[in-house]
Amino acid sequence: MGVEIIFKIAAVGILTAVVNQVLKHANKEEIATLTTLAGLIVVLLMVLNLIATLFDTVRTMFNL
């Protein structure tokens, strides 16, 4: 699971960077900023899900 999440985060980053560059060359800087922000939010939600899973694992491990 560790390598898969790294690849997913990298894929979102690469896709966001490509879309950002295309929109900047089309003089749509506002939309480019919004797509970058959307990519950041997607990655943060993925990491937040992993942290929640970690806390659940710790809770079960220590019977809390």
PDB file of N, CA and C in Angstrom:
ATOM      1  N   MET A   1       0.821  -1.195   0.000  1.00  0.00           N
ATOM      2  CA  MET A   1       0.000   0.000   0.000  1.00  0.00           C
ATOM      3  C   MET A   1       0.864   1.258   0.000  1.00  0.00           C
ATOM      4  N   GLY A   2       2.071   1.187   0.534  1.00  0.00           N
ATOM      5  CA  GLY A   2       2.915   2.367   0.640  1.00  0.00           C
ATOM      6  C   GLY A   2       3.356   2.923  -0.700  1.00  0.00           C
ATOM      7  N   VAL A   3       3.746   2.046  -1.604  1.00  0.00           N
ATOM      8  CA  VAL A   3       4.226   2.499  -2.910  1.00  0.00           C
ATOM      9  C   VAL A   3       3.068   2.981  -3.773  1.00  0.00           C
ATOM     10  N   GLU A   4       1.920   2.339  -3.642  1.00  0.00           N
ATOM     11  CA  GLU A   4       0.758   2.724  -4.453  1.00  0.00           C
ATOM     12  C   GLU A   4       0.324   4.156  -4.166  1.00  0.00           C
ATOM     13  N   ILE A   5       0.313   4.528  -2.897  1.00  0.00           N
ATOM     14  CA  ILE A   5      -0.126   5.887  -2.551  1.00  0.00           C
ATOM     15  C   ILE A   5       0.872   6.926  -3.044  1.00  0.00           C
ATOM     16  N   ILE A   6       2.149   6.582  -3.039  1.00  0.00           N
ATOM     17  CA  ILE A   6       3.159   7.507  -3.559  1.00  0.00           C
ATOM     18  C   ILE A   6       2.955   7.715  -5.055  1.00  0.00           C
ATOM     19  N   PHE A   7       2.658   6.636  -5.773  1.00  0.00           N
ATOM     20  CA  PHE A   7       2.402   6.757  -7.210  1.00  0.00           C
ATOM     21  C   PHE A   7       1.135   7.563  -7.484  1.00  0.00           C
ATOM     22  N   LYS A   8       0.108   7.380  -6.657  1.00  0.00           N
ATOM     23  CA  LYS A   8      -1.126   8.147  -6.842  1.00  0.00           C
ATOM     24  C   LYS A   8      -0.885   9.631  -6.611  1.00  0.00           C
ATOM     25  N   ILE A   9      -0.145   9.964  -5.561  1.00  0.00           N
ATOM     26  CA  ILE A   9       0.150  11.365  -5.274  1.00  0.00           C
ATOM     27  C   ILE A   9       1.001  11.963  -6.388  1.00  0.00           C
ATOM     28  N   ALA A  10       1.974  11.204  -6.881  1.00  0.00           N
ATOM     29  CA  ALA A  10       2.807  11.684  -7.984  1.00  0.00           C
ATOM     30  C   ALA A  10       1.976  11.894  -9.246  1.00  0.00           C
ATOM     31  N   ALA A  11       1.041  10.991  -9.506  1.00  0.00           N
ATOM     32  CA  ALA A  11       0.191  11.124 -10.694  1.00  0.00           C
ATOM     33  C   ALA A  11      -0.677  12.372 -10.609  1.00  0.00           C
ATOM     34  N   VAL A  12      -1.233  12.631  -9.441  1.00  0.00           N
ATOM     35  CA  VAL A  12      -2.039  13.843  -9.278  1.00  0.00           C
ATOM     36  C   VAL A  12      -1.164  15.077  -9.453  1.00  0.00           C
ATOM     37  N   GLY A  13       0.052  15.047  -8.931  1.00  0.00           N
ATOM     38  CA  GLY A  13       0.957  16.185  -9.071  1.00  0.00           C
ATOM     39  C   GLY A  13       1.351  16.437 -10.507  1.00  0.00           C
ATOM     40  N   ILE A  14       1.666  15.376 -11.234  1.00  0.00           N
ATOM     41  CA  ILE A  14       2.055  15.531 -12.641  1.00  0.00           C
ATOM     42  C   ILE A  14       0.877  16.034 -13.472  1.00  0.00           C
ATOM     43  N   LEU A  15      -0.299  15.463 -13.244  1.00  0.00           N
ATOM     44  CA  LEU A  15      -1.485  15.893 -13.980  1.00  0.00           C
ATOM     45  C   LEU A  15      -1.815  17.353 -13.685  1.00  0.00           C
ATOM     46  N   THR A  16      -1.713  17.736 -12.434  1.00  0.00           N
ATOM     47  CA  THR A  16      -1.978  19.126 -12.061  1.00  0.00           C
ATOM     48  C   THR A  16      -0.968  20.068 -12.699  1.00  0.00           C
ATOM     49  N   ALA A  17       0.290  19.673 -12.728  1.00  0.00           N
ATOM     50  CA  ALA A  17       1.321  20.519 -13.328  1.00  0.00           C
ATOM     51  C   ALA A  17       1.099  20.698 -14.828  1.00  0.00           C
ATOM     52  N   VAL A  18       0.724  19.616 -15.502  1.00  0.00           N
ATOM     53  CA  VAL A  18       0.485  19.707 -16.957  1.00  0.00           C
ATOM     54  C   VAL A  18      -0.710  20.610 -17.251  1.00  0.00           C
ATOM     55  N   VAL A  19      -1.802  20.399 -16.509  1.00  0.00           N
ATOM     56  CA  VAL A  19      -2.997  21.236 -16.726  1.00  0.00           C
ATOM     57  C   VAL A  19      -2.683  22.690 -16.399  1.00  0.00           C
ATOM     58  N   ASN A  20      -1.906  22.902 -15.357  1.00  0.00           N
ATOM     59  CA  ASN A  20      -1.535  24.258 -14.972  1.00  0.00           C
ATOM     60  C   ASN A  20      -0.752  24.948 -16.085  1.00  0.00           C
ATOM     61  N   GLN A  21       0.217  24.272 -16.665  1.00  0.00           N
ATOM     62  CA  GLN A  21       1.022  24.871 -17.732  1.00  0.00           C
ATOM     63  C   GLN A  21       0.199  25.142 -18.983  1.00  0.00           C
ATOM     64  N   VAL A  22      -0.694  24.210 -19.325  1.00  0.00           N
ATOM     65  CA  VAL A  22      -1.547  24.410 -20.505  1.00  0.00           C
ATOM     66  C   VAL A  22      -2.445  25.625 -20.314  1.00  0.00           C
ATOM     67  N   LEU A  23      -3.024  25.748 -19.132  1.00  0.00           N
ATOM     68  CA  LEU A  23      -3.915  26.886 -18.887  1.00  0.00           C
ATOM     69  C   LEU A  23      -3.144  28.206 -18.812  1.00  0.00           C
ATOM     70  N   LYS A  24      -1.938  28.188 -18.302  1.00  0.00           N
ATOM     71  CA  LYS A  24      -1.154  29.423 -18.263  1.00  0.00           C
ATOM     72  C   LYS A  24      -0.770  29.885 -19.659  1.00  0.00           C
ATOM     73  N   HIS A  25      -0.477  28.936 -20.546  1.00  0.00           N
ATOM     74  CA  HIS A  25      -0.150  29.310 -21.927  1.00  0.00           C
ATOM     75  C   HIS A  25      -1.377  29.792 -22.683  1.00  0.00           C
ATOM     76  N   ALA A  26      -2.554  29.422 -22.209  1.00  0.00           N
ATOM     77  CA  ALA A  26      -3.793  29.886 -22.832  1.00  0.00           C
ATOM     78  C   ALA A  26      -4.305  31.167 -22.169  1.00  0.00           C
ATOM     79  N   ASN A  27      -3.449  31.781 -21.337  1.00  0.00           N
ATOM     80  CA  ASN A  27      -3.785  33.026 -20.626  1.00  0.00           C
ATOM     81  C   ASN A  27      -5.014  32.869 -19.730  1.00  0.00           C
ATOM     82  N   LYS A  28      -5.100  31.741 -19.062  1.00  0.00           N
ATOM     83  CA  LYS A  28      -6.176  31.479 -18.095  1.00  0.00           C
ATOM     84  C   LYS A  28      -5.555  31.234 -16.724  1.00  0.00           C
ATOM     85  N   GLU A  29      -4.856  32.238 -16.213  1.00  0.00           N
ATOM     86  CA  GLU A  29      -4.113  32.052 -14.974  1.00  0.00           C
ATOM     87  C   GLU A  29      -5.006  31.806 -13.771  1.00  0.00           C
ATOM     88  N   GLU A  30      -6.204  32.393 -13.764  1.00  0.00           N
ATOM     89  CA  GLU A  30      -7.102  32.195 -12.623  1.00  0.00           C
ATOM     90  C   GLU A  30      -7.555  30.746 -12.536  1.00  0.00           C
ATOM     91  N   ILE A  31      -7.902  30.183 -13.683  1.00  0.00           N
ATOM     92  CA  ILE A  31      -8.351  28.790 -13.699  1.00  0.00           C
ATOM     93  C   ILE A  31      -7.175  27.855 -13.403  1.00  0.00           C
ATOM     94  N   ALA A  32      -5.984  28.235 -13.843  1.00  0.00           N
ATOM     95  CA  ALA A  32      -4.790  27.439 -13.555  1.00  0.00           C
ATOM     96  C   ALA A  32      -4.543  27.387 -12.052  1.00  0.00           C
ATOM     97  N   THR A  33      -4.735  28.503 -11.390  1.00  0.00           N
ATOM     98  CA  THR A  33      -4.575  28.530  -9.934  1.00  0.00           C
ATOM     99  C   THR A  33      -5.619  27.658  -9.255  1.00  0.00           C
ATOM    100  N   LEU A  34      -6.839  27.694  -9.747  1.00  0.00           N
ATOM    101  CA  LEU A  34      -7.896  26.867  -9.168  1.00  0.00           C
ATOM    102  C   LEU A  34      -7.635  25.379  -9.372  1.00  0.00           C
ATOM    103  N   THR A  35      -7.090  25.005 -10.519  1.00  0.00           N
ATOM    104  CA  THR A  35      -6.788  23.590 -10.736  1.00  0.00           C
ATOM    105  C   THR A  35      -5.643  23.131  -9.837  1.00  0.00           C
ATOM    106  N   THR A  36      -4.675  24.004  -9.610  1.00  0.00           N
ATOM    107  CA  THR A  36      -3.597  23.667  -8.682  1.00  0.00           C
ATOM    108  C   THR A  36      -4.140  23.493  -7.274  1.00  0.00           C
ATOM    109  N   LEU A  37      -5.031  24.365  -6.876  1.00  0.00           N
ATOM    110  CA  LEU A  37      -5.653  24.261  -5.564  1.00  0.00           C
ATOM    111  C   LEU A  37      -6.491  22.994  -5.450  1.00  0.00           C
ATOM    112  N   ALA A  38      -7.191  22.633  -6.505  1.00  0.00           N
ATOM    113  CA  ALA A  38      -7.985  21.403  -6.496  1.00  0.00           C
ATOM    114  C   ALA A  38      -7.087  20.172  -6.377  1.00  0.00           C
ATOM    115  N   GLY A  39      -5.960  20.178  -7.072  1.00  0.00           N
ATOM    116  CA  GLY A  39      -5.019  19.069  -6.954  1.00  0.00           C
ATOM    117  C   GLY A  39      -4.459  18.943  -5.551  1.00  0.00           C
ATOM    118  N   LEU A  40      -4.172  20.071  -4.931  1.00  0.00           N
ATOM    119  CA  LEU A  40      -3.679  20.073  -3.560  1.00  0.00           C
ATOM    120  C   LEU A  40      -4.724  19.517  -2.604  1.00  0.00           C
ATOM    121  N   ILE A  41      -5.966  19.887  -2.789  1.00  0.00           N
ATOM    122  CA  ILE A  41      -7.047  19.397  -1.925  1.00  0.00           C
ATOM    123  C   ILE A  41      -7.230  17.896  -2.096  1.00  0.00           C
ATOM    124  N   VAL A  42      -7.141  17.400  -3.323  1.00  0.00           N
ATOM    125  CA  VAL A  42      -7.270  15.965  -3.559  1.00  0.00           C
ATOM    126  C   VAL A  42      -6.166  15.196  -2.832  1.00  0.00           C
ATOM    127  N   VAL A  43      -4.941  15.682  -2.925  1.00  0.00           N
ATOM    128  CA  VAL A  43      -3.824  15.015  -2.251  1.00  0.00           C
ATOM    129  C   VAL A  43      -3.982  15.093  -0.736  1.00  0.00           C
ATOM    130  N   LEU A  44      -4.412  16.230  -0.229  1.00  0.00           N
ATOM    131  CA  LEU A  44      -4.624  16.352   1.213  1.00  0.00           C
ATOM    132  C   LEU A  44      -5.704  15.403   1.710  1.00  0.00           C
ATOM    133  N   LEU A  45      -6.748  15.210   0.939  1.00  0.00           N
ATOM    134  CA  LEU A  45      -7.793  14.263   1.332  1.00  0.00           C
ATOM    135  C   LEU A  45      -7.273  12.832   1.323  1.00  0.00           C
ATOM    136  N   MET A  46      -6.410  12.519   0.366  1.00  0.00           N
ATOM    137  CA  MET A  46      -5.821  11.179   0.337  1.00  0.00           C
ATOM    138  C   MET A  46      -4.954  10.945   1.571  1.00  0.00           C
ATOM    139  N   VAL A  47      -4.156  11.941   1.926  1.00  0.00           N
ATOM    140  CA  VAL A  47      -3.293  11.816   3.098  1.00  0.00           C
ATOM    141  C   VAL A  47      -4.126  11.782   4.382  1.00  0.00           C
ATOM    142  N   LEU A  48      -5.177  12.567   4.434  1.00  0.00           N
ATOM    143  CA  LEU A  48      -6.057  12.566   5.602  1.00  0.00           C
ATOM    144  C   LEU A  48      -6.706  11.206   5.804  1.00  0.00           C
ATOM    145  N   ASN A  49      -7.080  10.562   4.715  1.00  0.00           N
ATOM    146  CA  ASN A  49      -7.644   9.213   4.792  1.00  0.00           C
ATOM    147  C   ASN A  49      -6.614   8.230   5.348  1.00  0.00           C
ATOM    148  N   LEU A  50      -5.370   8.364   4.931  1.00  0.00           N
ATOM    149  CA  LEU A  50      -4.305   7.498   5.456  1.00  0.00           C
ATOM    150  C   LEU A  50      -4.066   7.737   6.941  1.00  0.00           C
ATOM    151  N   ILE A  51      -4.124   8.984   7.373  1.00  0.00           N
ATOM    152  CA  ILE A  51      -3.931   9.292   8.787  1.00  0.00           C
ATOM    153  C   ILE A  51      -5.073   8.717   9.620  1.00  0.00           C
ATOM    154  N   ALA A  52      -6.301   8.792   9.103  1.00  0.00           N
ATOM    155  CA  ALA A  52      -7.433   8.211   9.817  1.00  0.00           C
ATOM    156  C   ALA A  52      -7.276   6.699   9.945  1.00  0.00           C
ATOM    157  N   THR A  53      -6.795   6.067   8.894  1.00  0.00           N
ATOM    158  CA  THR A  53      -6.546   4.623   8.944  1.00  0.00           C
ATOM    159  C   THR A  53      -5.457   4.300   9.963  1.00  0.00           C
ATOM    160  N   LEU A  54      -4.424   5.132  10.029  1.00  0.00           N
ATOM    161  CA  LEU A  54      -3.360   4.934  11.007  1.00  0.00           C
ATOM    162  C   LEU A  54      -3.903   5.026  12.429  1.00  0.00           C
ATOM    163  N   PHE A  55      -4.737   6.029  12.707  1.00  0.00           N
ATOM    164  CA  PHE A  55      -5.298   6.168  14.047  1.00  0.00           C
ATOM    165  C   PHE A  55      -6.201   4.998  14.401  1.00  0.00           C
ATOM    166  N   ASP A  56      -6.969   4.502  13.438  1.00  0.00           N
ATOM    167  CA  ASP A  56      -7.806   3.328  13.698  1.00  0.00           C
ATOM    168  C   ASP A  56      -6.951   2.104  14.014  1.00  0.00           C
ATOM    169  N   THR A  57      -5.845   1.956  13.303  1.00  0.00           N
ATOM    170  CA  THR A  57      -4.947   0.827  13.561  1.00  0.00           C
ATOM    171  C   THR A  57      -4.321   0.924  14.949  1.00  0.00           C
ATOM    172  N   VAL A  58      -3.893   2.115  15.326  1.00  0.00           N
ATOM    173  CA  VAL A  58      -3.311   2.311  16.655  1.00  0.00           C
ATOM    174  C   VAL A  58      -4.346   2.051  17.733  1.00  0.00           C
ATOM    175  N   ARG A  59      -5.570   2.523  17.508  1.00  0.00           N
ATOM    176  CA  ARG A  59      -6.643   2.317  18.482  1.00  0.00           C
ATOM    177  C   ARG A  59      -6.930   0.831  18.663  1.00  0.00           C
ATOM    178  N   THR A  60      -6.965   0.078  17.576  1.00  0.00           N
ATOM    179  CA  THR A  60      -7.220  -1.378  17.698  1.00  0.00           C
ATOM    180  C   THR A  60      -6.030  -2.083  18.323  1.00  0.00           C
ATOM    181  N   MET A  61      -4.833  -1.619  18.019  1.00  0.00           N
ATOM    182  CA  MET A  61      -3.652  -2.271  18.557  1.00  0.00           C
ATOM    183  C   MET A  61      -3.589  -2.153  20.085  1.00  0.00           C
ATOM    184  N   PHE A  62      -3.961  -1.005  20.611  1.00  0.00           N
ATOM    185  CA  PHE A  62      -3.886  -0.793  22.048  1.00  0.00           C
ATOM    186  C   PHE A  62      -5.230  -0.960  22.748  1.00  0.00           C
ATOM    187  N   ASN A  63      -6.236  -1.459  22.042  1.00  0.00           N
ATOM    188  CA  ASN A  63      -7.568  -1.709  22.580  1.00  0.00           C
ATOM    189  C   ASN A  63      -8.165  -0.477  23.250  1.00  0.00           C
ATOM    190  N   LEU A  64      -8.131   0.632  22.562  1.00  0.00           N
ATOM    191  CA  LEU A  64      -8.689   1.878  23.113  1.00  0.00           C
ATOM    192  C   LEU A  64     -10.083   2.107  22.627  1.00  0.00           C
TER     193      LEU A  64
END
